[in-house]
C-alpha cells in the first residue's frame, strides 16, 4: 500500500470497475494511494485496467464476479480480505440503464435491473459491514442518479432502482452512524461513458440524441467519468468525514 495520497493505506472495493465511472474511480483511487479491488464481470476490461494502474505503480487486483450473486460476492470479499486483511472503502457502482415505459417491460427485465442495481449493493454491504464493525469504521458510497431526484421519460425501471438506492443509502447512514461507518450516494447526471455511447448508437441518430441529452443539463455539456471519480474520491476520503446520508448531485444542474 502507498504511504502518500488522500487514500494512502486504504483498501477500496469498486464494483463495475471495467468501464466508465468505475474505471475512472479505480484509476484515481490508486493514484491517491489506495489498494484497489476491481470487481466486474468484464474480464477483458478489468485486465486492461489492471495493466494501466500497475504501469504507474498502483496497487490493484481484478476480481471477476456476478455482483447479483451472493456466492460470487462472498467469494470476492473473501479473496480481498485474504490478500489485504482489511477493507476501508466500498464503492457500490455496478449498474445497468434499462429504458422503456412500465407497460412495455418484462418481468425478467425488472428483476435483472433490481438484481444488478440494488441487490448487488445489499450483497456487498452485507459481506463487508462486519469487517467495518470489527475494525471500527469504514465508508460506503453507492451510485444512484440524478433521476432519483428529477425523473426522465422512458426510464421508469432505472429510476425505480436509483430511488431505491437513495433510500437504502439514507437508511444505512442512520443505522451505522454510531459505528463510524459513513454511507453516501453519488447522483451523476448524464455522463460520457461507453454505456451512454452504446445507448446513443442504438437509438439511431446519434448526433441528434446527443444534443437532446446535453440540452437536459443547464451547463450544456455531458459530464465526464473523471469528474464523477473526483466527487467519489471526496466522499470516500477523510475530507468528507462529517458527511453521511447525502445525495451528492453532480449533474450539470439537471436536477434543478
Protein backbone atom coordinates (compact mmCIF):
# COMPACT_ATOMS: atom_id res chain seq x y z
CA UNK A 1 0.00 0.00 0.00
CA UNK A 2 1.15 3.53 -0.78
CA UNK A 3 2.06 5.84 2.08
CA UNK A 4 1.12 9.03 0.20
CA UNK A 5 -2.11 10.38 -1.24
CA UNK A 6 -5.63 11.07 0.04
CA UNK A 7 -6.35 7.33 0.34
CA UNK A 8 -2.93 6.21 1.47
CA UNK A 9 -3.03 2.85 3.23
CA UNK A 10 -6.70 2.26 2.39
CA UNK A 11 -8.21 -0.77 0.67
CA UNK A 12 -11.03 0.17 -1.71
CA UNK A 13 -13.52 -2.18 -3.35
CA UNK A 14 -15.05 -0.81 -6.57
CA UNK A 15 -17.79 -2.66 -8.45
CA UNK A 16 -18.48 -2.01 -12.11
CA UNK A 17 -14.77 -1.33 -12.44
CA UNK A 18 -14.13 -2.21 -16.07
CA UNK A 19 -15.53 0.94 -17.69
CA UNK A 20 -16.95 4.40 -17.15
CA UNK A 21 -17.22 5.87 -13.66
CA UNK A 22 -15.96 2.67 -12.02
CA UNK A 23 -12.84 2.57 -14.17
CA UNK A 24 -12.07 6.25 -13.66
CA UNK A 25 -12.56 5.85 -9.90
CA UNK A 26 -10.24 2.84 -9.72
CA UNK A 27 -7.57 4.84 -11.54
CA UNK A 28 -7.95 7.86 -9.28
CA UNK A 29 -8.17 5.86 -6.04
CA UNK A 30 -4.98 4.00 -6.97
CA UNK A 31 -3.19 7.26 -7.79
CA UNK A 32 -4.25 8.56 -4.38
CA UNK A 33 -2.61 5.60 -2.63
CA UNK A 34 -5.41 3.05 -2.23
CA UNK A 35 -5.06 -0.65 -2.90
CA UNK A 36 -7.95 -1.27 -5.29
CA UNK A 37 -10.06 -4.40 -5.63
CA UNK A 38 -11.65 -4.03 -9.07
CA UNK A 39 -14.82 -6.14 -9.34
CA UNK A 40 -16.57 -6.71 -12.67
CA UNK A 41 -17.90 -9.47 -14.93
CA UNK A 42 -15.95 -7.94 -17.83
CA UNK A 43 -12.62 -9.74 -17.51
CA UNK A 44 -11.05 -8.12 -20.58
CA UNK A 45 -11.92 -4.61 -19.43
CA UNK A 46 -10.62 -5.37 -15.95
CA UNK A 47 -7.37 -6.79 -17.35
CA UNK A 48 -6.73 -3.55 -19.26
CA UNK A 49 -7.49 -1.53 -16.13
CA UNK A 50 -5.06 -3.57 -14.04
CA UNK A 51 -2.32 -3.17 -16.63
CA UNK A 52 -2.76 0.59 -16.70
CA UNK A 53 -2.81 1.00 -12.91
CA UNK A 54 0.26 -1.16 -12.45
CA UNK A 55 2.06 0.85 -15.14
CA UNK A 56 2.23 3.82 -12.75
CA UNK A 57 2.97 1.66 -9.69
CA UNK A 58 -0.54 1.42 -8.34
CA UNK A 59 -1.82 -1.49 -6.26
CA UNK A 60 -4.76 -3.35 -7.82
CA UNK A 61 -6.29 -6.79 -8.11
CA UNK A 62 -9.05 -7.75 -10.55
CA UNK A 63 -11.89 -10.00 -9.42
CA UNK A 64 -14.44 -11.49 -11.79
CA UNK A 65 -17.91 -11.68 -10.25
CA UNK A 66 -21.60 -11.50 -10.95
CA UNK A 67 -22.49 -8.75 -8.49
CA UNK A 68 -26.06 -10.05 -8.18
CA UNK A 69 -24.88 -13.48 -6.99
CA UNK A 70 -24.46 -13.93 -3.24
CA UNK A 71 -21.97 -16.74 -3.82
CA UNK A 72 -19.82 -14.63 -6.16
CA UNK A 73 -19.92 -11.65 -3.82
CA UNK A 74 -18.95 -13.69 -0.75
CA UNK A 75 -16.11 -15.31 -2.70
CA UNK A 76 -14.81 -11.95 -3.94
CA UNK A 77 -14.88 -10.39 -0.46
CA UNK A 78 -13.11 -13.45 0.96
CA UNK A 79 -10.36 -13.06 -1.65
CA UNK A 80 -9.95 -9.37 -0.87
CA UNK A 81 -9.73 -9.92 2.88
CA UNK A 82 -7.31 -12.82 2.38
CA UNK A 83 -4.98 -10.55 0.41
CA UNK A 84 -5.17 -7.25 2.30
CA UNK A 85 -6.65 -8.29 5.68
CA UNK A 86 -9.00 -5.30 5.71
CA UNK A 87 -11.40 -3.21 3.63
CA UNK A 88 -11.83 0.52 4.22
CA UNK A 89 -13.97 1.67 1.30
CA UNK A 90 -16.83 0.06 -0.61
CA UNK A 91 -17.89 1.85 -3.79
CA UNK A 92 -21.07 0.13 -5.00
CA UNK A 93 -21.02 1.39 -8.56
CA UNK A 94 -22.14 -1.50 -10.80
CA UNK A 95 -25.34 -0.85 -12.68
CA UNK A 96 -27.29 -1.02 -15.92
CA UNK A 97 -29.55 1.55 -17.61
CA UNK A 98 -32.79 -0.03 -18.85
CA UNK A 99 -35.22 2.12 -20.78
CA UNK A 100 -38.91 1.67 -21.66
CA UNK A 101 -42.20 2.54 -20.01
CA UNK A 102 -43.70 0.22 -17.39
CA UNK A 103 -46.27 -1.41 -19.67
CA UNK A 104 -43.55 -2.49 -22.14
CA UNK A 105 -41.25 -4.10 -19.56
CA UNK A 106 -40.95 -7.81 -18.97
CA UNK A 107 -40.73 -9.33 -15.51
CA UNK A 108 -37.26 -10.60 -16.38
CA UNK A 109 -36.07 -7.07 -17.25
CA UNK A 110 -37.48 -5.74 -13.99
CA UNK A 111 -35.85 -8.45 -11.88
CA UNK A 112 -32.49 -8.16 -13.65
CA UNK A 113 -32.30 -4.39 -13.15
CA UNK A 114 -33.10 -4.63 -9.44
CA UNK A 115 -30.66 -7.54 -9.03
CA UNK A 116 -27.74 -5.67 -10.60
CA UNK A 117 -28.51 -2.13 -9.47
CA UNK A 118 -29.88 -2.69 -5.96
CA UNK A 119 -29.43 -6.27 -4.75
CA UNK A 120 -25.70 -6.06 -5.51
CA UNK A 121 -25.36 -3.17 -3.05
CA UNK A 122 -27.14 -5.17 -0.36
CA UNK A 123 -24.92 -8.21 -1.01
CA UNK A 124 -21.62 -6.32 -0.91
CA UNK A 125 -22.67 -4.26 2.10
CA UNK A 126 -23.81 -7.36 3.97
CA UNK A 127 -20.49 -9.05 3.22
CA UNK A 128 -18.26 -6.09 4.13
CA UNK A 129 -20.01 -4.26 7.00
CA UNK A 130 -18.97 -6.93 9.56
CA UNK A 131 -15.34 -6.09 8.78
CA UNK A 132 -16.09 -2.39 9.22
CA UNK A 133 -17.68 -3.10 12.59
CA UNK A 134 -14.71 -5.19 13.68
CA UNK A 135 -12.10 -2.62 12.66
CA UNK A 136 -14.01 0.39 13.98
CA UNK A 137 -15.32 2.06 10.83
CA UNK A 138 -15.46 2.30 7.07
CA UNK A 139 -17.04 4.13 4.15
CA UNK A 140 -19.73 3.07 1.68
CA UNK A 141 -20.55 5.03 -1.48
CA UNK A 142 -23.46 3.95 -3.68
CA UNK A 143 -24.02 5.19 -7.24
CA UNK A 144 -27.57 6.48 -7.55
CA UNK A 145 -28.52 9.01 -10.23
CA UNK A 146 -29.91 12.48 -10.71
CA UNK A 147 -33.04 10.64 -11.95
CA UNK A 148 -33.69 9.72 -8.32
CA UNK A 149 -34.20 13.46 -7.79
CA UNK A 150 -35.64 14.52 -11.16
CA UNK A 151 -37.29 11.93 -13.38
CA UNK A 152 -36.65 11.49 -17.10
CA UNK A 153 -39.00 9.94 -19.71
CA UNK A 154 -38.74 6.25 -20.60
CA UNK A 155 -36.68 5.47 -17.51
CA UNK A 156 -39.31 4.11 -15.08
CA UNK A 157 -37.39 0.96 -14.15
CA UNK A 158 -34.00 2.68 -13.98
CA UNK A 159 -35.48 5.49 -11.87
CA UNK A 160 -37.12 2.97 -9.53
CA UNK A 161 -33.78 1.27 -8.88
CA UNK A 162 -31.97 4.56 -8.33
CA UNK A 163 -34.69 5.81 -5.99
CA UNK A 164 -34.33 2.58 -4.01
CA UNK A 165 -30.58 3.19 -3.78
CA UNK A 166 -31.16 6.69 -2.45
CA UNK A 167 -33.50 5.41 0.26
CA UNK A 168 -31.20 2.50 1.11
CA UNK A 169 -28.28 4.90 1.47
CA UNK A 170 -30.12 7.12 3.93
CA UNK A 171 -31.35 4.15 5.97
CA UNK A 172 -27.88 2.64 6.20
CA UNK A 173 -26.37 6.01 7.09
CA UNK A 174 -28.58 6.34 10.17
CA UNK A 175 -28.21 2.67 11.11
CA UNK A 176 -24.41 2.78 11.18
CA UNK A 177 -23.66 6.38 12.17
CA UNK A 178 -22.62 5.44 15.71
CA UNK A 179 -20.37 2.68 14.32
CA UNK A 180 -18.21 5.20 12.45
CA UNK A 181 -19.49 3.92 9.09
CA UNK A 182 -20.38 6.69 6.65
CA UNK A 183 -22.82 5.93 3.80
CA UNK A 184 -23.46 8.34 0.93
CA UNK A 185 -24.66 8.15 -2.64
CA UNK A 186 -23.41 9.79 -5.80
CA UNK A 187 -26.08 11.21 -8.11
CA UNK A 188 -24.48 11.73 -11.53
CA UNK A 189 -26.15 13.47 -14.41
CA UNK A 190 -25.69 12.31 -17.99
CA UNK A 191 -22.09 11.18 -18.20
CA UNK A 192 -19.98 10.42 -21.26
CA UNK A 193 -19.24 6.72 -20.78
CA UNK A 194 -19.09 3.64 -23.05
CA UNK A 195 -22.55 2.69 -21.76
CA UNK A 196 -24.02 6.03 -22.86
CA UNK A 197 -22.31 5.87 -26.25
CA UNK A 198 -23.72 2.39 -26.84
CA UNK A 199 -27.23 3.58 -26.00
CA UNK A 200 -26.87 6.62 -28.26
CA UNK A 201 -25.70 4.44 -31.14
CA UNK A 202 -28.57 2.01 -30.62
CA UNK A 203 -31.05 4.87 -30.81
CA UNK A 204 -30.31 5.66 -34.45
CA UNK A 205 -29.49 9.35 -34.95
CA UNK A 206 -26.55 9.58 -32.55
CA UNK A 207 -25.86 13.29 -33.12
CA UNK A 208 -29.47 14.31 -32.55
CA UNK A 209 -29.83 12.14 -29.44
CA UNK A 210 -26.58 13.52 -28.03
CA UNK A 211 -27.90 17.06 -28.44
CA UNK A 212 -31.06 16.11 -26.52
CA UNK A 213 -29.05 14.63 -23.64
CA UNK A 214 -26.85 17.73 -23.49
CA UNK A 215 -29.88 20.05 -23.55
CA UNK A 216 -31.23 18.46 -20.34
CA UNK A 217 -28.31 19.89 -18.36
CA UNK A 218 -28.10 23.67 -17.81
CA UNK A 219 -24.31 23.64 -18.15
CA UNK A 220 -24.91 22.38 -21.71
CA UNK A 221 -22.46 19.53 -21.81
CA UNK A 222 -22.11 15.94 -20.67
CA UNK A 223 -20.25 15.10 -17.51
CA UNK A 224 -17.06 13.05 -17.67
CA UNK A 225 -16.24 9.85 -15.83
CA UNK A 226 -13.20 11.60 -14.39
CA UNK A 227 -15.38 14.33 -12.86
CA UNK A 228 -17.58 11.69 -11.24
CA UNK A 229 -14.46 9.96 -9.90
CA UNK A 230 -13.29 13.22 -8.31
CA UNK A 231 -16.62 13.50 -6.49
CA UNK A 232 -16.36 9.87 -5.42
CA UNK A 233 -12.84 10.49 -4.12
CA UNK A 234 -14.07 13.33 -1.94
CA UNK A 235 -16.93 11.29 -0.49
CA UNK A 236 -14.78 8.26 0.39
CA UNK A 237 -11.86 10.30 1.74
CA UNK A 238 -11.30 11.77 5.18
CA UNK A 239 -12.10 15.20 3.71
CA UNK A 240 -15.77 14.14 3.92
CA UNK A 241 -15.51 12.84 7.49
CA UNK A 242 -18.62 14.83 8.52
CA UNK A 243 -20.70 13.76 5.50
CA UNK A 244 -23.14 10.87 5.74
CA UNK A 245 -26.58 10.16 4.30
CA UNK A 246 -26.06 12.65 1.49
CA UNK A 247 -27.19 12.51 -2.12
CA UNK A 248 -24.27 14.23 -3.82
CA UNK A 249 -25.53 15.84 -7.03
CA UNK A 250 -23.02 16.17 -9.87
CA UNK A 251 -25.27 16.68 -12.83
CA UNK A 252 -24.55 19.98 -14.59
CA UNK A 253 -27.68 21.42 -12.97
CA UNK A 254 -30.04 18.76 -14.41
CA UNK A 255 -31.81 18.19 -11.08
CA UNK A 256 -32.78 21.87 -10.97
